[in-house]
């Protein structure tokens, strides 16, 4: 039995119980290179029963060429938009993810982005490094302001709990009713329009799919308060970057704090030229704790299926 791993951003120590379980059960092979080409990936997975993917795009044309022995693609992340799950199902390949593995890490970064944007922390740090000791323009407190959390999954709920401690008013919208969580934690579920029109800041926590593609666009930005702030630590494809750029230029948007871009790496994107765009290179899950949990769950998914056990994290049952 063979488990092929192309993921280089998530690792387990050799004495971790799941790693010990894996190497006792199968030949576990880690690719020597990152960002494999299609041909390199297909060559690497020959003879493998399971694949733990990294940043690989598992599109239909790749999945259709996978060896018949491969029965599992396990993602060490909650997102699985890099995998054509329908094409995998047609081939009888189970696609799994790792929900909740990085929720604390991403929730913390989201709050960090909000604080960095509202208090202009990166600007003041850069100024001090140029020996400029000035407070700059007056900023704003979070206490008493309204945050609209769009998506109340594990990360969105984590953000709500953290920002509740800041004394913020919390609005939320999700396709799933979160009545009990909202009631217990002082969160008010509202319509999309109410979230857009009444929030001082909006934080996105939605998966990338056909329904959420460019959910932030010229029309939704027009509904926002003048000077609203936008945070995106979810997926770059949720946002029409041209519309956000124009909103930042006009002042309709006070700032855009993002950990993701629609194309990664983004190259010379013009958002990088704006002083009110604060963008980090997709580091939401880049903590030791999160990356360990991510590979732990991804490997357990594969091992459970290979052993004929129940796996709750299959996204294409």
Protein backbone atom coordinates (compact mmCIF):
# COMPACT_ATOMS: atom_id res chain seq x y z
CA UNK A 1 0.00 0.00 0.00
CA UNK A 2 1.30 3.47 -0.89
CA UNK A 3 0.42 7.00 0.26
CA UNK A 4 1.83 9.81 -1.88
CA UNK A 5 2.21 13.27 -0.33
CA UNK A 6 2.77 16.42 -2.38
CA UNK A 7 1.93 18.77 0.50
CA UNK A 8 5.03 20.55 1.81
CA UNK A 9 3.33 23.17 3.99
CA UNK A 10 1.91 20.71 6.55
CA UNK A 11 4.10 18.25 8.44
CA UNK A 12 3.94 15.87 11.37
CA UNK A 13 6.83 15.00 13.68
CA UNK A 14 8.11 11.46 13.26
CA UNK A 15 6.89 10.51 16.75
CA UNK A 16 3.33 11.69 16.11
CA UNK A 17 0.84 8.79 16.53
CA UNK A 18 -0.76 9.38 13.14
CA UNK A 19 2.60 9.44 11.35
CA UNK A 20 3.64 6.24 13.12
CA UNK A 21 0.32 4.66 12.11
CA UNK A 22 0.83 5.73 8.50
CA UNK A 23 4.39 4.45 8.06
CA UNK A 24 3.50 1.14 9.70
CA UNK A 25 0.58 0.65 7.37
CA UNK A 26 1.90 1.98 4.05
CA UNK A 27 4.86 3.17 2.04
CA UNK A 28 4.60 6.93 2.68
CA UNK A 29 6.40 8.96 0.02
CA UNK A 30 6.87 12.75 0.02
CA UNK A 31 7.55 14.46 -3.30
CA UNK A 32 10.99 16.01 -3.51
CA UNK A 33 9.72 19.03 -5.41
CA UNK A 34 6.93 21.54 -4.85
CA UNK A 35 4.50 22.78 -7.50
CA UNK A 36 4.75 19.69 -9.67
CA UNK A 37 3.78 19.87 -13.31
CA UNK A 38 0.90 17.66 -14.45
CA UNK A 39 3.26 15.05 -15.86
CA UNK A 40 5.43 15.11 -12.74
CA UNK A 41 2.37 14.68 -10.52
CA UNK A 42 1.01 11.81 -12.59
CA UNK A 43 4.38 10.10 -12.53
CA UNK A 44 4.67 10.59 -8.75
CA UNK A 45 1.30 9.02 -7.93
CA UNK A 46 1.87 5.83 -9.94
CA UNK A 47 1.11 2.88 -7.68
CA UNK A 48 -0.39 5.06 -4.94
CA UNK A 49 -3.63 4.20 -3.17
CA UNK A 50 -4.02 7.67 -1.62
CA UNK A 51 -2.76 11.17 -2.40
CA UNK A 52 -2.35 13.94 0.17
CA UNK A 53 -2.32 17.04 -2.00
CA UNK A 54 -0.66 20.38 -1.45
CA UNK A 55 -1.14 23.33 -3.79
CA UNK A 56 -1.81 21.00 -6.74
CA UNK A 57 -4.72 21.78 -9.04
CA UNK A 58 -6.56 18.51 -9.48
CA UNK A 59 -8.67 19.49 -12.48
CA UNK A 60 -10.66 17.09 -14.63
CA UNK A 61 -7.89 16.61 -17.19
CA UNK A 62 -5.53 15.50 -14.41
CA UNK A 63 -8.06 13.31 -12.59
CA UNK A 64 -8.97 11.50 -15.79
CA UNK A 65 -5.32 10.44 -16.16
CA UNK A 66 -4.80 9.24 -12.58
CA UNK A 67 -3.94 5.55 -12.14
CA UNK A 68 -6.82 3.20 -11.35
CA UNK A 69 -5.23 2.24 -8.04
CA UNK A 70 -5.67 5.76 -6.63
CA UNK A 71 -8.89 5.83 -4.60
CA UNK A 72 -8.41 8.75 -2.22
CA UNK A 73 -7.47 12.43 -2.58
CA UNK A 74 -7.21 14.00 0.87
CA UNK A 75 -6.80 17.75 1.30
CA UNK A 76 -5.00 19.04 4.42
CA UNK A 77 -7.33 22.07 4.47
CA UNK A 78 -11.01 22.88 4.76
CA UNK A 79 -11.11 24.17 1.17
CA UNK A 80 -11.30 21.72 -1.71
CA UNK A 81 -11.82 24.10 -4.63
CA UNK A 82 -8.51 22.93 -6.12
CA UNK A 83 -10.06 19.51 -6.76
CA UNK A 84 -12.75 18.73 -9.33
CA UNK A 85 -14.83 16.65 -6.94
CA UNK A 86 -17.36 15.65 -9.59
CA UNK A 87 -14.62 14.28 -11.87
CA UNK A 88 -13.14 12.41 -8.91
CA UNK A 89 -16.48 10.85 -8.07
CA UNK A 90 -16.86 9.66 -11.65
CA UNK A 91 -13.54 7.86 -11.23
CA UNK A 92 -14.59 6.40 -7.89
CA UNK A 93 -12.10 8.56 -6.00
CA UNK A 94 -13.10 9.84 -2.56
CA UNK A 95 -12.16 13.47 -1.92
CA UNK A 96 -11.66 14.42 1.74
CA UNK A 97 -10.89 17.65 3.55
CA UNK A 98 -9.79 18.71 7.03
CA UNK A 99 -12.54 20.90 8.49
CA UNK A 100 -11.66 22.87 11.60
CA UNK A 101 -7.95 22.12 11.40
CA UNK A 102 -6.92 25.73 10.84
CA UNK A 103 -9.99 27.58 12.13
CA UNK A 104 -8.30 29.08 15.19
CA UNK A 105 -5.26 30.13 13.20
CA UNK A 106 -7.29 31.84 10.46
CA UNK A 107 -9.68 33.46 12.96
CA UNK A 108 -6.72 34.95 14.81
CA UNK A 109 -5.20 36.29 11.59
CA UNK A 110 -8.56 37.81 10.63
CA UNK A 111 -8.65 39.77 13.87
CA UNK A 112 -5.01 40.73 13.31
CA UNK A 113 -5.84 42.08 9.84
CA UNK A 114 -8.75 44.07 11.24
CA UNK A 115 -6.55 45.63 13.91
CA UNK A 116 -3.73 46.29 11.43
CA UNK A 117 -6.11 48.06 9.07
CA UNK A 118 -8.08 50.10 11.59
CA UNK A 119 -4.98 51.25 13.51
CA UNK A 120 -2.64 51.40 10.48
CA UNK A 121 -0.09 49.34 12.39
CA UNK A 122 2.05 48.39 9.35
CA UNK A 123 2.30 52.07 8.35
CA UNK A 124 3.49 53.13 11.79
CA UNK A 125 6.02 50.27 11.94
CA UNK A 126 7.39 51.25 8.51
CA UNK A 127 7.61 54.90 9.57
CA UNK A 128 9.57 54.03 12.70
CA UNK A 129 12.01 52.00 10.61
CA UNK A 130 12.64 55.22 8.69
CA UNK A 131 13.25 56.98 12.04
CA UNK A 132 9.98 58.88 11.74
CA UNK A 133 8.38 59.08 15.20
CA UNK A 134 4.91 60.45 14.42
CA UNK A 135 1.48 59.18 15.43
CA UNK A 136 -0.05 60.01 12.06
CA UNK A 137 -3.76 60.43 11.46
CA UNK A 138 -6.33 59.59 14.10
CA UNK A 139 -7.59 56.02 13.85
CA UNK A 140 -10.68 54.31 15.25
CA UNK A 141 -11.49 51.90 18.05
CA UNK A 142 -13.31 48.64 17.44
CA UNK A 143 -15.45 48.90 20.56
CA UNK A 144 -19.01 49.85 19.74
CA UNK A 145 -18.53 49.40 15.98
CA UNK A 146 -20.47 46.87 13.93
CA UNK A 147 -18.78 43.92 12.23
CA UNK A 148 -20.65 41.93 9.59
CA UNK A 149 -19.43 38.35 9.42
CA UNK A 150 -20.42 36.78 6.11
CA UNK A 151 -20.23 33.03 6.70
CA UNK A 152 -20.60 31.47 10.15
CA UNK A 153 -18.64 28.28 9.71
CA UNK A 154 -15.92 27.33 12.18
CA UNK A 155 -13.73 30.30 11.22
CA UNK A 156 -16.56 32.83 11.14
CA UNK A 157 -17.76 31.68 14.55
CA UNK A 158 -14.21 31.92 15.87
CA UNK A 159 -13.96 35.50 14.63
CA UNK A 160 -17.31 36.35 16.23
CA UNK A 161 -16.19 35.03 19.62
CA UNK A 162 -12.95 36.97 19.49
CA UNK A 163 -14.52 40.24 18.38
CA UNK A 164 -17.26 39.94 20.96
CA UNK A 165 -14.48 40.39 23.52
CA UNK A 166 -13.66 43.72 21.84
CA UNK A 167 -17.17 44.97 22.58
CA UNK A 168 -18.27 44.99 18.94
CA UNK A 169 -21.82 44.64 17.65
CA UNK A 170 -21.86 41.47 15.57
CA UNK A 171 -24.08 40.83 12.57
CA UNK A 172 -23.85 37.62 10.59
CA UNK A 173 -25.22 35.95 7.51
CA UNK A 174 -24.99 32.29 6.57
CA UNK A 175 -26.97 29.94 4.35
CA UNK A 176 -27.24 27.67 7.41
CA UNK A 177 -29.20 28.82 10.44
CA UNK A 178 -26.88 29.29 13.42
CA UNK A 179 -29.68 30.21 15.80
CA UNK A 180 -28.28 28.56 18.92
CA UNK A 181 -24.76 29.97 18.47
CA UNK A 182 -26.10 33.44 17.75
CA UNK A 183 -28.45 33.42 20.72
CA UNK A 184 -25.75 32.26 23.12
CA UNK A 185 -23.10 34.68 21.87
CA UNK A 186 -24.93 37.92 21.16
CA UNK A 187 -24.77 37.61 17.37
CA UNK A 188 -27.66 38.81 15.22
CA UNK A 189 -28.36 36.89 12.01
CA UNK A 190 -29.45 39.27 9.26
CA UNK A 191 -30.09 39.31 5.53
CA UNK A 192 -27.26 39.91 3.09
CA UNK A 193 -28.56 43.42 2.39
CA UNK A 194 -28.77 44.32 6.07
CA UNK A 195 -25.25 43.03 6.66
CA UNK A 196 -23.94 45.14 3.77
CA UNK A 197 -25.77 48.34 4.71
CA UNK A 198 -25.32 48.32 8.49
CA UNK A 199 -21.76 47.06 9.01
CA UNK A 200 -18.78 49.31 9.65
CA UNK A 201 -16.54 46.40 8.71
CA UNK A 202 -17.29 43.21 6.78
CA UNK A 203 -15.32 39.98 7.10
CA UNK A 204 -15.68 37.19 4.53
CA UNK A 205 -15.69 33.53 5.54
CA UNK A 206 -17.25 31.69 2.60
CA UNK A 207 -16.01 28.86 0.37
CA UNK A 208 -15.17 29.61 -3.25
CA UNK A 209 -17.79 28.21 -5.61
CA UNK A 210 -20.07 29.31 -8.44
CA UNK A 211 -22.52 30.92 -6.01
CA UNK A 212 -19.93 32.96 -4.10
CA UNK A 213 -17.70 33.98 -7.04
CA UNK A 214 -17.21 37.77 -6.88
CA UNK A 215 -19.88 38.12 -4.20
CA UNK A 216 -18.13 41.40 -3.40
CA UNK A 217 -18.59 43.44 -6.56
CA UNK A 218 -19.61 46.94 -7.64
CA UNK A 219 -23.23 46.35 -6.67
CA UNK A 220 -22.52 45.00 -3.18
CA UNK A 221 -19.86 47.64 -2.51
CA UNK A 222 -22.38 50.34 -3.46
CA UNK A 223 -24.68 49.04 -0.69
CA UNK A 224 -21.97 49.34 1.97
CA UNK A 225 -21.56 52.31 4.28
CA UNK A 226 -19.28 55.03 2.98
CA UNK A 227 -15.86 54.33 4.46
CA UNK A 228 -16.57 50.70 5.33
CA UNK A 229 -13.67 48.30 5.75
CA UNK A 230 -13.42 44.88 4.12
CA UNK A 231 -11.49 41.84 5.37
CA UNK A 232 -10.96 38.67 3.33
CA UNK A 233 -9.08 35.75 4.85
CA UNK A 234 -11.17 33.18 2.95
CA UNK A 235 -10.70 32.97 -0.83
CA UNK A 236 -9.57 35.58 -3.34
CA UNK A 237 -12.28 34.60 -5.81
CA UNK A 238 -14.95 35.97 -3.47
CA UNK A 239 -13.89 39.47 -4.45
CA UNK A 240 -13.93 41.38 -7.73
CA UNK A 241 -10.53 43.02 -7.29
CA UNK A 242 -11.22 45.71 -9.91
CA UNK A 243 -14.30 46.79 -7.98
CA UNK A 244 -12.39 46.77 -4.68
CA UNK A 245 -9.55 48.78 -6.22
CA UNK A 246 -11.99 51.43 -7.46
CA UNK A 247 -13.73 51.46 -4.07
CA UNK A 248 -10.43 52.07 -2.29
CA UNK A 249 -9.46 54.84 -4.72
CA UNK A 250 -12.81 56.62 -4.38
CA UNK A 251 -12.93 56.32 -0.59
CA UNK A 252 -16.10 54.24 -0.63
CA UNK A 253 -13.96 51.57 1.05
CA UNK A 254 -11.72 52.75 3.87
CA UNK A 255 -9.45 49.71 3.58
CA UNK A 256 -9.10 46.18 2.27
CA UNK A 257 -7.28 43.66 4.45
CA UNK A 258 -6.71 40.33 2.70
CA UNK A 259 -4.72 37.15 3.12
CA UNK A 260 -5.77 35.78 -0.26
CA UNK A 261 -5.78 36.80 -3.92
CA UNK A 262 -7.72 35.40 -6.85
CA UNK A 263 -4.49 34.37 -8.56
CA UNK A 264 -1.66 33.22 -6.32
CA UNK A 265 1.07 34.28 -6.54
CA UNK A 266 -0.56 37.47 -7.83
CA UNK A 267 2.43 39.12 -9.47
CA UNK A 268 2.31 42.90 -9.82
CA UNK A 269 -1.32 43.37 -8.85
CA UNK A 270 -2.27 47.04 -8.66
CA UNK A 271 -3.82 46.56 -5.21
CA UNK A 272 -0.23 46.47 -3.93
CA UNK A 273 0.18 50.09 -5.01
CA UNK A 274 -2.48 51.34 -2.57
CA UNK A 275 -1.70 52.50 0.96
CA UNK A 276 -5.12 51.31 2.18
CA UNK A 277 -4.75 47.75 0.91
CA UNK A 278 -3.09 45.50 3.49
CA UNK A 279 -2.35 42.11 1.93
CA UNK A 280 -0.50 39.11 3.37
CA UNK A 281 0.68 36.06 1.36
CA UNK A 282 -1.93 33.46 2.38
CA UNK A 283 -0.53 32.87 5.87
CA UNK A 284 -3.81 32.24 7.70
CA UNK A 285 -3.00 28.59 8.37
CA UNK A 286 0.74 29.10 8.64
CA UNK A 287 1.17 28.20 12.28
CA UNK A 288 2.82 25.10 13.69
CA UNK A 289 -0.37 24.08 15.45
CA UNK A 290 -2.62 24.45 12.42
CA UNK A 291 -0.36 22.75 9.90
CA UNK A 292 0.14 19.80 12.22
CA UNK A 293 -3.62 19.39 12.67
CA UNK A 294 -4.16 19.74 8.92
CA UNK A 295 -1.89 16.85 7.99
CA UNK A 296 -3.07 14.83 10.97
CA UNK A 297 -6.68 14.96 9.76
CA UNK A 298 -5.78 14.51 6.08
CA UNK A 299 -3.71 11.42 6.83
CA UNK A 300 -6.34 10.00 9.19
CA UNK A 301 -8.94 10.41 6.44
CA UNK A 302 -6.82 8.35 4.05
CA UNK A 303 -5.87 5.75 6.65
CA UNK A 304 -9.45 5.26 7.82
CA UNK A 305 -10.68 4.69 4.26
CA UNK A 306 -7.81 2.36 3.43
CA UNK A 307 -8.66 0.34 6.55
CA UNK A 308 -12.35 0.24 5.69
CA UNK A 309 -13.34 2.52 8.55
CA UNK A 310 -15.92 5.30 8.51
CA UNK A 311 -14.65 8.72 7.38
CA UNK A 312 -16.81 11.77 8.07
CA UNK A 313 -14.80 14.18 5.94
CA UNK A 314 -15.67 12.88 2.46
CA UNK A 315 -16.94 15.82 0.36
CA UNK A 316 -18.15 13.74 -2.63
CA UNK A 317 -19.92 10.74 -1.04
